[in-house]
Structure formats: structure tokens, C-alpha cells
N, C-alpha and C. Protein backbone atom coordinates (compact mmCIF):
# COMPACT_ATOMS: atom_id res chain seq x y z
N MET A 1 -70.52 -46.89 28.08
CA MET A 1 -71.39 -47.05 29.23
C MET A 1 -71.11 -48.36 29.95
N ASP A 2 -70.84 -49.43 29.22
CA ASP A 2 -70.56 -50.71 29.86
C ASP A 2 -69.33 -50.64 30.75
N ALA A 3 -68.30 -49.93 30.31
CA ALA A 3 -67.08 -49.79 31.11
C ALA A 3 -67.40 -49.03 32.40
N PHE A 4 -68.23 -48.01 32.32
CA PHE A 4 -68.59 -47.25 33.50
C PHE A 4 -69.39 -48.12 34.47
N LEU A 5 -70.32 -48.91 33.97
CA LEU A 5 -71.11 -49.79 34.83
C LEU A 5 -70.22 -50.81 35.52
N ARG A 6 -69.23 -51.32 34.80
CA ARG A 6 -68.27 -52.26 35.37
C ARG A 6 -67.54 -51.60 36.53
N GLU A 7 -67.02 -50.39 36.29
CA GLU A 7 -66.28 -49.67 37.32
C GLU A 7 -67.17 -49.33 38.51
N LEU A 8 -68.35 -48.86 38.24
CA LEU A 8 -69.27 -48.47 39.30
C LEU A 8 -69.64 -49.68 40.16
N THR A 9 -69.88 -50.80 39.55
CA THR A 9 -70.22 -52.02 40.29
C THR A 9 -69.11 -52.39 41.26
N LEU A 10 -67.87 -52.40 40.79
CA LEU A 10 -66.76 -52.72 41.68
C LEU A 10 -66.61 -51.70 42.80
N MET A 11 -66.75 -50.42 42.47
CA MET A 11 -66.60 -49.39 43.50
C MET A 11 -67.70 -49.48 44.55
N LEU A 12 -68.92 -49.79 44.13
CA LEU A 12 -70.02 -49.92 45.09
C LEU A 12 -69.76 -51.07 46.05
N TRP A 13 -69.27 -52.18 45.55
CA TRP A 13 -68.97 -53.31 46.44
C TRP A 13 -67.88 -52.94 47.42
N GLN A 14 -66.86 -52.26 46.97
CA GLN A 14 -65.75 -51.88 47.84
C GLN A 14 -66.22 -50.85 48.86
N GLU A 15 -66.98 -49.88 48.42
CA GLU A 15 -67.42 -48.79 49.29
C GLU A 15 -68.36 -49.29 50.37
N ARG A 16 -69.11 -50.32 50.10
CA ARG A 16 -70.10 -50.79 51.06
C ARG A 16 -69.46 -51.43 52.28
N GLY A 17 -68.14 -51.53 52.30
CA GLY A 17 -67.47 -52.04 53.48
C GLY A 17 -67.60 -53.54 53.64
N LEU A 18 -67.45 -54.25 52.55
CA LEU A 18 -67.60 -55.70 52.58
C LEU A 18 -66.27 -56.36 52.94
N GLU A 19 -65.61 -55.85 53.97
CA GLU A 19 -64.29 -56.34 54.32
C GLU A 19 -64.30 -57.80 54.76
N THR A 20 -65.36 -58.25 55.40
CA THR A 20 -65.39 -59.59 55.96
C THR A 20 -65.60 -60.64 54.88
N PHE A 21 -66.64 -60.49 54.10
CA PHE A 21 -66.96 -61.52 53.12
C PHE A 21 -66.69 -61.11 51.69
N ARG A 22 -66.66 -59.82 51.43
CA ARG A 22 -66.46 -59.32 50.07
C ARG A 22 -67.43 -59.99 49.10
N CYS A 23 -68.70 -59.99 49.45
CA CYS A 23 -69.68 -60.60 48.56
C CYS A 23 -70.86 -59.67 48.39
N SER A 24 -71.65 -59.94 47.38
CA SER A 24 -72.81 -59.12 47.09
C SER A 24 -73.86 -59.97 46.40
N TRP A 25 -75.11 -59.54 46.52
CA TRP A 25 -76.18 -60.19 45.78
C TRP A 25 -75.99 -59.94 44.29
N LYS A 26 -76.54 -60.79 43.48
CA LYS A 26 -76.42 -60.65 42.03
C LYS A 26 -77.49 -59.72 41.47
N GLY A 27 -77.74 -58.62 42.11
CA GLY A 27 -78.75 -57.68 41.67
C GLY A 27 -78.20 -56.65 40.69
N TYR A 28 -77.18 -57.01 39.98
CA TYR A 28 -76.53 -56.12 39.02
C TYR A 28 -76.71 -56.68 37.61
N SER A 29 -76.37 -55.89 36.64
CA SER A 29 -76.45 -56.31 35.24
C SER A 29 -75.68 -57.62 35.04
N PHE A 30 -76.34 -58.61 34.47
CA PHE A 30 -75.67 -59.88 34.23
C PHE A 30 -74.54 -59.74 33.21
N ASP A 31 -74.67 -58.80 32.29
CA ASP A 31 -73.58 -58.55 31.35
C ASP A 31 -72.34 -58.08 32.10
N VAL A 32 -72.53 -57.17 33.06
CA VAL A 32 -71.42 -56.67 33.86
C VAL A 32 -70.85 -57.79 34.73
N LEU A 33 -71.72 -58.55 35.38
CA LEU A 33 -71.25 -59.66 36.21
C LEU A 33 -70.45 -60.67 35.40
N ASN A 34 -70.91 -60.98 34.20
CA ASN A 34 -70.18 -61.91 33.34
C ASN A 34 -68.81 -61.35 32.96
N GLN A 35 -68.76 -60.06 32.66
CA GLN A 35 -67.49 -59.44 32.31
C GLN A 35 -66.52 -59.47 33.48
N LEU A 36 -67.01 -59.12 34.67
CA LEU A 36 -66.16 -59.15 35.86
C LEU A 36 -65.66 -60.55 36.16
N SER A 37 -66.51 -61.53 35.94
CA SER A 37 -66.13 -62.93 36.14
C SER A 37 -65.07 -63.34 35.12
N ASP A 38 -65.27 -62.96 33.87
CA ASP A 38 -64.29 -63.27 32.82
C ASP A 38 -62.93 -62.64 33.11
N GLU A 39 -62.93 -61.49 33.78
CA GLU A 39 -61.70 -60.80 34.14
C GLU A 39 -61.12 -61.30 35.46
N ASN A 40 -61.76 -62.31 36.06
CA ASN A 40 -61.34 -62.89 37.34
C ASN A 40 -61.35 -61.88 38.48
N LEU A 41 -62.30 -60.94 38.42
CA LEU A 41 -62.44 -59.95 39.49
C LEU A 41 -63.50 -60.37 40.50
N ILE A 42 -64.39 -61.26 40.09
CA ILE A 42 -65.38 -61.83 40.99
C ILE A 42 -65.46 -63.33 40.72
N ARG A 43 -66.00 -64.03 41.72
CA ARG A 43 -66.25 -65.47 41.58
C ARG A 43 -67.66 -65.75 42.05
N GLY A 44 -68.24 -66.75 41.46
CA GLY A 44 -69.57 -67.19 41.85
C GLY A 44 -70.02 -68.27 40.90
N THR A 45 -71.06 -68.95 41.27
CA THR A 45 -71.60 -69.98 40.39
C THR A 45 -72.93 -69.50 39.83
N THR A 46 -73.38 -70.15 38.80
CA THR A 46 -74.66 -69.75 38.22
C THR A 46 -75.81 -70.09 39.16
N GLN A 47 -75.60 -71.03 40.09
CA GLN A 47 -76.65 -71.41 41.03
C GLN A 47 -76.71 -70.49 42.25
N ALA A 48 -75.59 -69.87 42.60
CA ALA A 48 -75.54 -69.03 43.81
C ALA A 48 -76.20 -67.67 43.56
N LYS A 49 -76.73 -67.09 44.62
CA LYS A 49 -77.35 -65.78 44.51
C LYS A 49 -76.38 -64.66 44.86
N THR A 50 -75.15 -65.03 45.21
CA THR A 50 -74.15 -64.03 45.56
C THR A 50 -72.88 -64.26 44.75
N VAL A 51 -72.09 -63.22 44.69
CA VAL A 51 -70.76 -63.30 44.07
C VAL A 51 -69.76 -62.77 45.09
N HIS A 52 -68.51 -63.18 44.93
CA HIS A 52 -67.44 -62.78 45.84
C HIS A 52 -66.35 -62.07 45.05
N LEU A 53 -65.85 -60.99 45.60
CA LEU A 53 -64.73 -60.30 44.99
C LEU A 53 -63.46 -61.11 45.21
N THR A 54 -62.65 -61.23 44.17
CA THR A 54 -61.34 -61.86 44.30
C THR A 54 -60.36 -60.81 44.82
N GLU A 55 -59.15 -61.24 45.14
CA GLU A 55 -58.13 -60.28 45.56
C GLU A 55 -57.87 -59.27 44.43
N ALA A 56 -57.89 -59.76 43.19
CA ALA A 56 -57.71 -58.85 42.04
C ALA A 56 -58.88 -57.87 41.95
N GLY A 57 -60.09 -58.32 42.27
CA GLY A 57 -61.26 -57.45 42.25
C GLY A 57 -61.18 -56.38 43.32
N ILE A 58 -60.70 -56.75 44.50
CA ILE A 58 -60.53 -55.79 45.58
C ILE A 58 -59.50 -54.73 45.18
N ALA A 59 -58.40 -55.17 44.61
CA ALA A 59 -57.35 -54.24 44.18
C ALA A 59 -57.86 -53.31 43.08
N GLU A 60 -58.62 -53.85 42.13
CA GLU A 60 -59.17 -53.03 41.04
C GLU A 60 -60.18 -52.03 41.59
N ALA A 61 -61.00 -52.43 42.53
CA ALA A 61 -61.96 -51.52 43.13
C ALA A 61 -61.25 -50.38 43.84
N GLN A 62 -60.19 -50.70 44.56
CA GLN A 62 -59.42 -49.66 45.25
C GLN A 62 -58.79 -48.70 44.24
N ARG A 63 -58.26 -49.24 43.15
CA ARG A 63 -57.65 -48.42 42.11
C ARG A 63 -58.69 -47.46 41.53
N LEU A 64 -59.89 -47.96 41.30
CA LEU A 64 -60.96 -47.13 40.73
C LEU A 64 -61.39 -46.04 41.70
N LEU A 65 -61.49 -46.38 42.99
CA LEU A 65 -61.84 -45.36 43.97
C LEU A 65 -60.81 -44.25 43.99
N GLU A 66 -59.54 -44.62 43.88
CA GLU A 66 -58.48 -43.60 43.82
C GLU A 66 -58.57 -42.80 42.53
N LYS A 67 -58.84 -43.48 41.41
CA LYS A 67 -58.95 -42.82 40.10
C LYS A 67 -60.02 -41.73 40.12
N TYR A 68 -61.14 -42.00 40.77
CA TYR A 68 -62.24 -41.05 40.81
C TYR A 68 -62.23 -40.17 42.06
N GLY A 69 -61.14 -40.24 42.84
CA GLY A 69 -61.01 -39.40 44.02
C GLY A 69 -61.95 -39.77 45.14
N LEU A 70 -62.34 -41.03 45.22
CA LEU A 70 -63.28 -41.48 46.25
C LEU A 70 -62.62 -42.36 47.30
N ASP A 71 -61.31 -42.48 47.28
CA ASP A 71 -60.63 -43.35 48.23
C ASP A 71 -60.77 -42.84 49.66
N HIS A 72 -61.09 -41.57 49.84
CA HIS A 72 -61.30 -41.03 51.19
C HIS A 72 -62.51 -41.67 51.86
N VAL A 73 -63.44 -42.21 51.08
CA VAL A 73 -64.63 -42.86 51.63
C VAL A 73 -64.21 -44.04 52.51
N LEU A 74 -63.29 -44.83 52.03
CA LEU A 74 -62.82 -45.98 52.80
C LEU A 74 -62.02 -45.53 54.02
N ALA A 75 -61.24 -44.49 53.86
CA ALA A 75 -60.44 -44.01 54.99
C ALA A 75 -61.35 -43.55 56.13
N LYS A 76 -62.46 -42.91 55.81
CA LYS A 76 -63.40 -42.48 56.84
C LYS A 76 -64.02 -43.66 57.56
N LYS A 77 -64.36 -44.71 56.81
CA LYS A 77 -64.97 -45.89 57.43
C LYS A 77 -64.01 -46.61 58.35
N ALA A 78 -62.73 -46.54 58.05
CA ALA A 78 -61.73 -47.25 58.84
C ALA A 78 -61.48 -46.56 60.18
N GLN A 79 -61.82 -45.29 60.29
CA GLN A 79 -61.59 -44.55 61.54
C GLN A 79 -62.68 -44.88 62.55
N PRO A 80 -62.31 -44.99 63.83
CA PRO A 80 -63.32 -45.29 64.87
C PRO A 80 -64.25 -44.13 65.12
């Protein structure tokens, strides 16, 4: 379950269209946030209320969207 929560968290951030800032509020499981931080997929401080996806995090989120067949979601958002 923890692996799924990790994957879902990254996919939600990517799907939400955070192209400009690639950040999100810390309203997610702190265990998952700590794991993503340990994997260098997100950055943030313990004092900040937001976290930022790293380039590796963006790439991993895209890989997961493709793995689950959801990469079309981003393609639709990119179209005018």
C-alpha cells in the first residue's frame, strides 16, 4: 500500500498541471513525503508548507502515468 500511495502522490501532482511551479501543499501522508524526499523526488523544508517536485520527480511521475495508461491526461491538457 505504501508503494501505491507514493506512486499516486506523484501522479496527482503531475496530473494537476503544476508545470509552472511544480509544488504542492503538504496535505499528504508524511511517511510518503519523507520517502519521496529521501528518493530526491521532492524538495522542501520542515518549516515550509509546500514541497517542490525535482526534475527526477517529474520524470518519475511521467513514467508512472505511462505505466498506468494515464499519460493521455497530460496530452489533453497540453492541447488548446
